[in-house]
Amino acid sequence: MGTFDLNAVLLALPILLLSLTAHEFAHAWVALRQGDDTAYMLGRVSMNPMAHLDWIGTILFPAIAIGTGAPLLGWARPVPTTPRKFRNFKRGTILVALAGVCANAILAVVFAILCAIIAQVAQARGELPEFVQIFFTMCLFGVMGNVGLILFNLLPIPPLDGHHVMYLMLPPHLAQQYRALYPYGMFILWGLVITGAVGVLVPFIRAISNVLLLPSGYSI
């Protein structure tokens, strides 16, 4: 194992924290809009990172992974919901499940726009101050990191968002069999990470990120 890259942690971890916070906030906010106030009553309809922080999943594991180059697996505290409170159970469940990845999609686009603006300024003015270059690097991670969160969370493996959508899309008899995977979901996810199988997402993450970064003239 190589040396621990503290600089990478300091640049990437704040962006990851923002991205995970936005993801969970979106779940909570859409749940409230669909008639479920469970998360709201627990203070989860908030962009305050402390409302969603899991010290192991949001800070410790990601810091180790980023600093060492190991496969990254991070998470925030899941937003609790009471689906029976949704005005429409199926629609509410799907909208809440997809809310997190939609928030990450918005962030990915925002970071890509910031990259394009900085690139245009750099082209016009020449070399930029070091703090702007650092911010540009953080924005690059914001693009790639949020695209990664989107693709990862859409995997149809419990407890990821894609699992909830897939469950409601299947015929009832298949849905019940599929739901039986739930207790084993985290073991499956860890297996994918540890074996490196989750790396199959990397080419897609790079491809989508590079499309978003086209206006900046930069590729990952």
C-alpha atoms as a PDB file:
ATOM      1  CA  MET A   1       0.000   0.000   0.000  1.00  0.00           C
ATOM      2  CA  GLY A   2       1.314   3.469  -0.906  1.00  0.00           C
ATOM      3  CA  THR A   3       1.518   6.505   1.315  1.00  0.00           C
ATOM      4  CA  PHE A   4      -1.682   8.080   2.576  1.00  0.00           C
ATOM      5  CA  ASP A   5      -2.683  11.018   0.349  1.00  0.00           C
ATOM      6  CA  LEU A   6      -3.964  13.611   2.818  1.00  0.00           C
ATOM      7  CA  ASN A   7      -4.329  16.247   0.104  1.00  0.00           C
ATOM      8  CA  ALA A   8      -6.742  14.044  -1.828  1.00  0.00           C
ATOM      9  CA  VAL A   9      -8.814  13.546   1.330  1.00  0.00           C
ATOM     10  CA  LEU A  10      -8.953  17.279   2.069  1.00  0.00           C
ATOM     11  CA  LEU A  11     -10.079  18.015  -1.491  1.00  0.00           C
ATOM     12  CA  ALA A  12     -12.545  15.186  -2.042  1.00  0.00           C
ATOM     13  CA  LEU A  13     -14.113  14.571   1.368  1.00  0.00           C
ATOM     14  CA  PRO A  14     -15.928  17.950   1.639  1.00  0.00           C
ATOM     15  CA  ILE A  15     -17.454  17.396  -1.821  1.00  0.00           C
ATOM     16  CA  LEU A  16     -18.515  13.870  -0.882  1.00  0.00           C
ATOM     17  CA  LEU A  17     -20.049  15.184   2.337  1.00  0.00           C
ATOM     18  CA  LEU A  18     -22.028  17.788   0.378  1.00  0.00           C
ATOM     19  CA  SER A  19     -23.132  15.191  -2.159  1.00  0.00           C
ATOM     20  CA  LEU A  20     -24.304  12.673   0.438  1.00  0.00           C
ATOM     21  CA  THR A  21     -26.072  15.428   2.393  1.00  0.00           C
ATOM     22  CA  ALA A  22     -27.922  16.611  -0.722  1.00  0.00           C
ATOM     23  CA  HIS A  23     -28.841  13.001  -1.521  1.00  0.00           C
ATOM     24  CA  GLU A  24     -30.437  12.372   1.875  1.00  0.00           C
ATOM     25  CA  PHE A  25     -32.038  15.828   2.049  1.00  0.00           C
ATOM     26  CA  ALA A  26     -33.738  15.120  -1.286  1.00  0.00           C
ATOM     27  CA  HIS A  27     -35.147  11.826   0.016  1.00  0.00           C
ATOM     28  CA  ALA A  28     -36.528  13.582   3.098  1.00  0.00           C
ATOM     29  CA  TRP A  29     -37.909  16.594   1.227  1.00  0.00           C
ATOM     30  CA  VAL A  30     -39.707  14.539  -1.427  1.00  0.00           C
ATOM     31  CA  ALA A  31     -41.105  12.202   1.258  1.00  0.00           C
ATOM     32  CA  LEU A  32     -42.589  15.243   2.995  1.00  0.00           C
ATOM     33  CA  ARG A  33     -44.053  16.474  -0.302  1.00  0.00           C
ATOM     34  CA  GLN A  34     -45.629  13.045  -0.786  1.00  0.00           C
ATOM     35  CA  GLY A  35     -47.348  13.232   2.593  1.00  0.00           C
ATOM     36  CA  ASP A  36     -44.871  11.469   4.899  1.00  0.00           C
ATOM     37  CA  ASP A  37     -43.584  13.690   7.723  1.00  0.00           C
ATOM     38  CA  THR A  38     -41.443  10.986   9.388  1.00  0.00           C
ATOM     39  CA  ALA A  39     -38.114  12.412   8.245  1.00  0.00           C
ATOM     40  CA  TYR A  40     -39.303  15.983   8.813  1.00  0.00           C
ATOM     41  CA  MET A  41     -40.145  15.242  12.458  1.00  0.00           C
ATOM     42  CA  LEU A  42     -36.628  13.852  12.900  1.00  0.00           C
ATOM     43  CA  GLY A  43     -34.993  16.990  11.479  1.00  0.00           C
ATOM     44  CA  ARG A  44     -33.850  15.311   8.270  1.00  0.00           C
ATOM     45  CA  VAL A  45     -35.326  17.870   5.845  1.00  0.00           C
ATOM     46  CA  SER A  46     -32.096  19.820   6.208  1.00  0.00           C
ATOM     47  CA  MET A  47     -28.919  20.572   4.293  1.00  0.00           C
ATOM     48  CA  ASN A  48     -27.003  20.558   7.572  1.00  0.00           C
ATOM     49  CA  PRO A  49     -24.513  17.665   7.155  1.00  0.00           C
ATOM     50  CA  MET A  50     -24.793  16.838  10.852  1.00  0.00           C
ATOM     51  CA  ALA A  51     -28.419  15.811  10.304  1.00  0.00           C
ATOM     52  CA  HIS A  52     -27.322  12.990   7.992  1.00  0.00           C
ATOM     53  CA  LEU A  53     -23.773  12.207   9.106  1.00  0.00           C
ATOM     54  CA  ASP A  54     -22.626   8.665   9.764  1.00  0.00           C
ATOM     55  CA  TRP A  55     -19.110   8.981  11.183  1.00  0.00           C
ATOM     56  CA  ILE A  56     -18.021   5.615   9.811  1.00  0.00           C
ATOM     57  CA  GLY A  57     -19.758   5.643   6.432  1.00  0.00           C
ATOM     58  CA  THR A  58     -19.520   9.356   5.670  1.00  0.00           C
ATOM     59  CA  ILE A  59     -16.097  10.191   7.115  1.00  0.00           C
ATOM     60  CA  LEU A  60     -13.898   7.268   8.174  1.00  0.00           C
ATOM     61  CA  PHE A  61     -14.318   4.748   5.343  1.00  0.00           C
ATOM     62  CA  PRO A  62     -14.344   7.345   2.541  1.00  0.00           C
ATOM     63  CA  ALA A  63     -11.266   9.090   4.002  1.00  0.00           C
ATOM     64  CA  ILE A  64      -9.359   5.806   4.111  1.00  0.00           C
ATOM     65  CA  ALA A  65     -10.468   4.876   0.580  1.00  0.00           C
ATOM     66  CA  ILE A  66      -9.666   8.287  -0.904  1.00  0.00           C
ATOM     67  CA  GLY A  67      -6.338   8.541   0.889  1.00  0.00           C
ATOM     68  CA  THR A  68      -5.144   5.076  -0.071  1.00  0.00           C
ATOM     69  CA  GLY A  69      -6.760   4.658  -3.480  1.00  0.00           C
ATOM     70  CA  ALA A  70      -8.850   1.734  -2.238  1.00  0.00           C
ATOM     71  CA  PRO A  71     -12.365   1.124  -3.644  1.00  0.00           C
ATOM     72  CA  LEU A  72     -14.689   3.825  -2.324  1.00  0.00           C
ATOM     73  CA  LEU A  73     -17.853   2.930  -0.433  1.00  0.00           C
ATOM     74  CA  GLY A  74     -19.512   5.682   1.565  1.00  0.00           C
ATOM     75  CA  TRP A  75     -22.934   6.365   2.954  1.00  0.00           C
ATOM     76  CA  ALA A  76     -24.923   8.733   5.151  1.00  0.00           C
ATOM     77  CA  ARG A  77     -27.608   7.792   7.664  1.00  0.00           C
ATOM     78  CA  PRO A  78     -30.597   6.484   5.694  1.00  0.00           C
ATOM     79  CA  VAL A  79     -33.686   8.678   5.768  1.00  0.00           C
ATOM     80  CA  PRO A  80     -36.562   6.869   7.506  1.00  0.00           C
ATOM     81  CA  THR A  81     -39.894   6.869   5.699  1.00  0.00           C
ATOM     82  CA  THR A  82     -43.382   5.559   6.397  1.00  0.00           C
ATOM     83  CA  PRO A  83     -44.672   4.614   2.925  1.00  0.00           C
ATOM     84  CA  ARG A  84     -48.244   4.079   4.141  1.00  0.00           C
ATOM     85  CA  LYS A  85     -48.394   7.854   4.681  1.00  0.00           C
ATOM     86  CA  PHE A  86     -47.734   8.558   0.998  1.00  0.00           C
ATOM     87  CA  ARG A  87     -50.785   9.873  -0.841  1.00  0.00           C
ATOM     88  CA  ASN A  88     -50.014   7.304  -3.527  1.00  0.00           C
ATOM     89  CA  PHE A  89     -47.913   4.407  -2.257  1.00  0.00           C
ATOM     90  CA  LYS A  90     -46.281   3.350  -5.534  1.00  0.00           C
ATOM     91  CA  ARG A  91     -45.678   6.824  -6.936  1.00  0.00           C
ATOM     92  CA  GLY A  92     -44.469   8.162  -3.590  1.00  0.00           C
ATOM     93  CA  THR A  93     -42.047   5.290  -3.061  1.00  0.00           C
ATOM     94  CA  ILE A  94     -40.556   5.646  -6.548  1.00  0.00           C
ATOM     95  CA  LEU A  95     -40.261   9.436  -6.319  1.00  0.00           C
ATOM     96  CA  VAL A  96     -38.581   9.268  -2.917  1.00  0.00           C
ATOM     97  CA  ALA A  97     -36.208   6.539  -4.135  1.00  0.00           C
ATOM     98  CA  LEU A  98     -35.184   8.574  -7.183  1.00  0.00           C
ATOM     99  CA  ALA A  99     -34.963  11.907  -5.351  1.00  0.00           C
ATOM    100  CA  GLY A 100     -31.438  11.260  -4.108  1.00  0.00           C
ATOM    101  CA  VAL A 101     -29.967  10.486  -7.512  1.00  0.00           C
ATOM    102  CA  CYS A 102     -31.782  13.510  -8.971  1.00  0.00           C
ATOM    103  CA  ALA A 103     -30.072  15.694  -6.361  1.00  0.00           C
ATOM    104  CA  ASN A 104     -26.722  14.194  -7.330  1.00  0.00           C
ATOM    105  CA  ALA A 105     -27.493  14.823 -11.011  1.00  0.00           C
ATOM    106  CA  ILE A 106     -28.143  18.495 -10.263  1.00  0.00           C
ATOM    107  CA  LEU A 107     -24.872  18.742  -8.345  1.00  0.00           C
ATOM    108  CA  ALA A 108     -22.945  17.029 -11.150  1.00  0.00           C
ATOM    109  CA  VAL A 109     -24.280  19.585 -13.648  1.00  0.00           C
ATOM    110  CA  VAL A 110     -23.547  22.509 -11.297  1.00  0.00           C
ATOM    111  CA  PHE A 111     -19.973  21.345 -10.773  1.00  0.00           C
ATOM    112  CA  ALA A 112     -19.554  20.861 -14.521  1.00  0.00           C
ATOM    113  CA  ILE A 113     -20.761  24.430 -15.130  1.00  0.00           C
ATOM    114  CA  LEU A 114     -18.289  25.728 -12.546  1.00  0.00           C
ATOM    115  CA  CYS A 115     -15.507  23.814 -14.299  1.00  0.00           C
ATOM    116  CA  ALA A 116     -16.487  25.394 -17.621  1.00  0.00           C
ATOM    117  CA  ILE A 117     -16.522  28.889 -16.105  1.00  0.00           C
ATOM    118  CA  ILE A 118     -13.109  28.430 -14.491  1.00  0.00           C
ATOM    119  CA  ALA A 119     -11.697  26.993 -17.734  1.00  0.00           C
ATOM    120  CA  GLN A 120     -12.984  29.996 -19.691  1.00  0.00           C
ATOM    121  CA  VAL A 121     -11.496  32.432 -17.179  1.00  0.00           C
ATOM    122  CA  ALA A 122      -8.192  30.567 -17.286  1.00  0.00           C
ATOM    123  CA  GLN A 123      -8.162  30.743 -21.091  1.00  0.00           C
ATOM    124  CA  ALA A 124      -8.794  34.475 -20.981  1.00  0.00           C
ATOM    125  CA  ARG A 125      -6.468  35.410 -18.138  1.00  0.00           C
ATOM    126  CA  GLY A 126      -3.767  32.783 -18.229  1.00  0.00           C
ATOM    127  CA  GLU A 127      -2.648  31.022 -15.063  1.00  0.00           C
ATOM    128  CA  LEU A 128      -5.091  31.236 -12.189  1.00  0.00           C
ATOM    129  CA  PRO A 129      -4.355  31.661  -8.469  1.00  0.00           C
ATOM    130  CA  GLU A 130      -3.614  28.443  -6.609  1.00  0.00           C
ATOM    131  CA  PHE A 131      -6.853  28.525  -4.612  1.00  0.00           C
ATOM    132  CA  VAL A 132      -8.859  28.662  -7.872  1.00  0.00           C
ATOM    133  CA  GLN A 133      -6.905  25.697  -9.222  1.00  0.00           C
ATOM    134  CA  ILE A 134      -7.682  23.817  -6.009  1.00  0.00           C
ATOM    135  CA  PHE A 135     -11.355  24.693  -6.340  1.00  0.00           C
ATOM    136  CA  PHE A 136     -11.280  23.475  -9.955  1.00  0.00           C
ATOM    137  CA  THR A 137      -9.904  20.127  -8.797  1.00  0.00           C
ATOM    138  CA  MET A 138     -12.695  19.901  -6.198  1.00  0.00           C
ATOM    139  CA  CYS A 139     -15.267  20.634  -8.897  1.00  0.00           C
ATOM    140  CA  LEU A 140     -13.832  17.848 -11.067  1.00  0.00           C
ATOM    141  CA  PHE A 141     -14.297  15.452  -8.195  1.00  0.00           C
ATOM    142  CA  GLY A 142     -17.805  16.876  -7.743  1.00  0.00           C
ATOM    143  CA  VAL A 143     -18.676  15.888 -11.296  1.00  0.00           C
ATOM    144  CA  MET A 144     -17.169  12.424 -11.184  1.00  0.00           C
ATOM    145  CA  GLY A 145     -18.203  11.740  -7.582  1.00  0.00           C
ATOM    146  CA  ASN A 146     -21.846  12.624  -8.143  1.00  0.00           C
ATOM    147  CA  VAL A 147     -22.033  10.631 -11.374  1.00  0.00           C
ATOM    148  CA  GLY A 148     -20.554   7.720  -9.429  1.00  0.00           C
ATOM    149  CA  LEU A 149     -23.169   8.103  -6.676  1.00  0.00           C
ATOM    150  CA  ILE A 150     -25.937   8.116  -9.274  1.00  0.00           C
ATOM    151  CA  LEU A 151     -24.818   4.916 -11.014  1.00  0.00           C
ATOM    152  CA  PHE A 152     -23.998   3.147  -7.773  1.00  0.00           C
ATOM    153  CA  ASN A 153     -27.324   4.018  -6.128  1.00  0.00           C
ATOM    154  CA  LEU A 154     -29.252   2.863  -9.184  1.00  0.00           C
ATOM    155  CA  LEU A 155     -27.887  -0.674  -8.846  1.00  0.00           C
ATOM    156  CA  PRO A 156     -30.880  -2.935  -8.090  1.00  0.00           C
ATOM    157  CA  ILE A 157     -29.320  -4.215  -4.874  1.00  0.00           C
ATOM    158  CA  PRO A 158     -30.897  -3.604  -1.451  1.00  0.00           C
ATOM    159  CA  PRO A 159     -30.818  -1.188   0.290  1.00  0.00           C
ATOM    160  CA  LEU A 160     -29.858   1.050  -2.672  1.00  0.00           C
ATOM    161  CA  ASP A 161     -32.428   3.285  -4.350  1.00  0.00           C
ATOM    162  CA  GLY A 162     -32.503   1.159  -7.480  1.00  0.00           C
ATOM    163  CA  HIS A 163     -33.767  -1.755  -5.404  1.00  0.00           C
ATOM    164  CA  HIS A 164     -36.913   0.104  -4.324  1.00  0.00           C
ATOM    165  CA  VAL A 165     -37.728   1.049  -7.903  1.00  0.00           C
ATOM    166  CA  MET A 166     -37.085  -2.464  -9.217  1.00  0.00           C
ATOM    167  CA  TYR A 167     -39.225  -3.990  -6.455  1.00  0.00           C
ATOM    168  CA  LEU A 168     -42.253  -1.936  -7.497  1.00  0.00           C
ATOM    169  CA  MET A 169     -41.715  -2.616 -11.190  1.00  0.00           C
ATOM    170  CA  LEU A 170     -41.781  -6.406 -10.848  1.00  0.00           C
ATOM    171  CA  PRO A 171     -44.919  -8.582 -10.867  1.00  0.00           C
ATOM    172  CA  PRO A 172     -46.040  -9.354  -7.271  1.00  0.00           C
ATOM    173  CA  HIS A 173     -44.809 -12.963  -7.204  1.00  0.00           C
ATOM    174  CA  LEU A 174     -41.348 -11.974  -8.460  1.00  0.00           C
ATOM    175  CA  ALA A 175     -41.262  -8.910  -6.215  1.00  0.00           C
ATOM    176  CA  GLN A 176     -41.627 -11.050  -3.099  1.00  0.00           C
ATOM    177  CA  GLN A 177     -38.763 -13.303  -4.168  1.00  0.00           C
ATOM    178  CA  TYR A 178     -36.666 -10.256  -4.980  1.00  0.00           C
ATOM    179  CA  ARG A 179     -37.460  -8.716  -1.585  1.00  0.00           C
ATOM    180  CA  ALA A 180     -35.991 -11.804   0.072  1.00  0.00           C
ATOM    181  CA  LEU A 181     -32.542 -10.486  -0.954  1.00  0.00           C
ATOM    182  CA  TYR A 182     -32.877  -7.536   1.433  1.00  0.00           C
ATOM    183  CA  PRO A 183     -31.100  -9.084   4.465  1.00  0.00           C
ATOM    184  CA  TYR A 184     -28.121  -9.947   2.240  1.00  0.00           C
ATOM    185  CA  GLY A 185     -27.864  -6.642   0.398  1.00  0.00           C
ATOM    186  CA  MET A 186     -24.955  -5.169   2.349  1.00  0.00           C
ATOM    187  CA  PHE A 187     -22.996  -8.408   2.042  1.00  0.00           C
ATOM    188  CA  ILE A 188     -23.519  -8.314  -1.718  1.00  0.00           C
ATOM    189  CA  LEU A 189     -22.402  -4.671  -1.877  1.00  0.00           C
ATOM    190  CA  TRP A 190     -19.294  -5.290   0.201  1.00  0.00           C
ATOM    191  CA  GLY A 191     -18.511  -8.299  -1.969  1.00  0.00           C
ATOM    192  CA  LEU A 192     -18.708  -6.139  -5.095  1.00  0.00           C
ATOM    193  CA  VAL A 193     -16.416  -3.530  -3.547  1.00  0.00           C
ATOM    194  CA  ILE A 194     -13.858  -5.909  -2.041  1.00  0.00           C
ATOM    195  CA  THR A 195     -13.576  -8.024  -5.183  1.00  0.00           C
ATOM    196  CA  GLY A 196     -13.365  -4.932  -7.361  1.00  0.00           C
ATOM    197  CA  ALA A 197     -16.439  -5.990  -9.346  1.00  0.00           C
ATOM    198  CA  VAL A 198     -17.966  -2.560  -8.746  1.00  0.00           C
ATOM    199  CA  GLY A 199     -15.151  -1.271 -10.971  1.00  0.00           C
ATOM    200  CA  VAL A 200     -17.333  -2.196 -13.952  1.00  0.00           C
ATOM    201  CA  LEU A 201     -19.052   1.148 -13.328  1.00  0.00           C
ATOM    202  CA  VAL A 202     -15.841   3.164 -13.775  1.00  0.00           C
ATOM    203  CA  PRO A 203     -15.892   3.382 -17.615  1.00  0.00           C
ATOM    204  CA  PHE A 204     -19.496   4.586 -17.501  1.00  0.00           C
ATOM    205  CA  ILE A 205     -18.675   7.109 -14.767  1.00  0.00           C
ATOM    206  CA  ARG A 206     -15.788   8.459 -16.832  1.00  0.00           C
ATOM    207  CA  ALA A 207     -17.821   8.569 -20.039  1.00  0.00           C
ATOM    208  CA  ILE A 208     -20.740  10.474 -18.498  1.00  0.00           C
ATOM    209  CA  SER A 209     -18.393  12.789 -16.581  1.00  0.00           C
ATOM    210  CA  ASN A 210     -16.472  13.605 -19.753  1.00  0.00           C
ATOM    211  CA  VAL A 211     -19.692  14.473 -21.576  1.00  0.00           C
ATOM    212  CA  LEU A 212     -20.568  16.904 -18.782  1.00  0.00           C
ATOM    213  CA  LEU A 213     -17.042  18.342 -18.896  1.00  0.00           C
ATOM    214  CA  LEU A 214     -17.016  18.924 -22.668  1.00  0.00           C
ATOM    215  CA  PRO A 215     -17.651  22.694 -22.303  1.00  0.00           C
ATOM    216  CA  SER A 216     -14.618  22.979 -20.050  1.00  0.00           C
ATOM    217  CA  GLY A 217     -12.377  21.206 -22.545  1.00  0.00           C
ATOM    218  CA  TYR A 218     -11.204  18.875 -19.800  1.00  0.00           C
ATOM    219  CA  SER A 219     -11.512  15.087 -19.588  1.00  0.00           C
ATOM    220  CA  ILE A 220     -10.984  12.672 -16.735  1.00  0.00           C
END
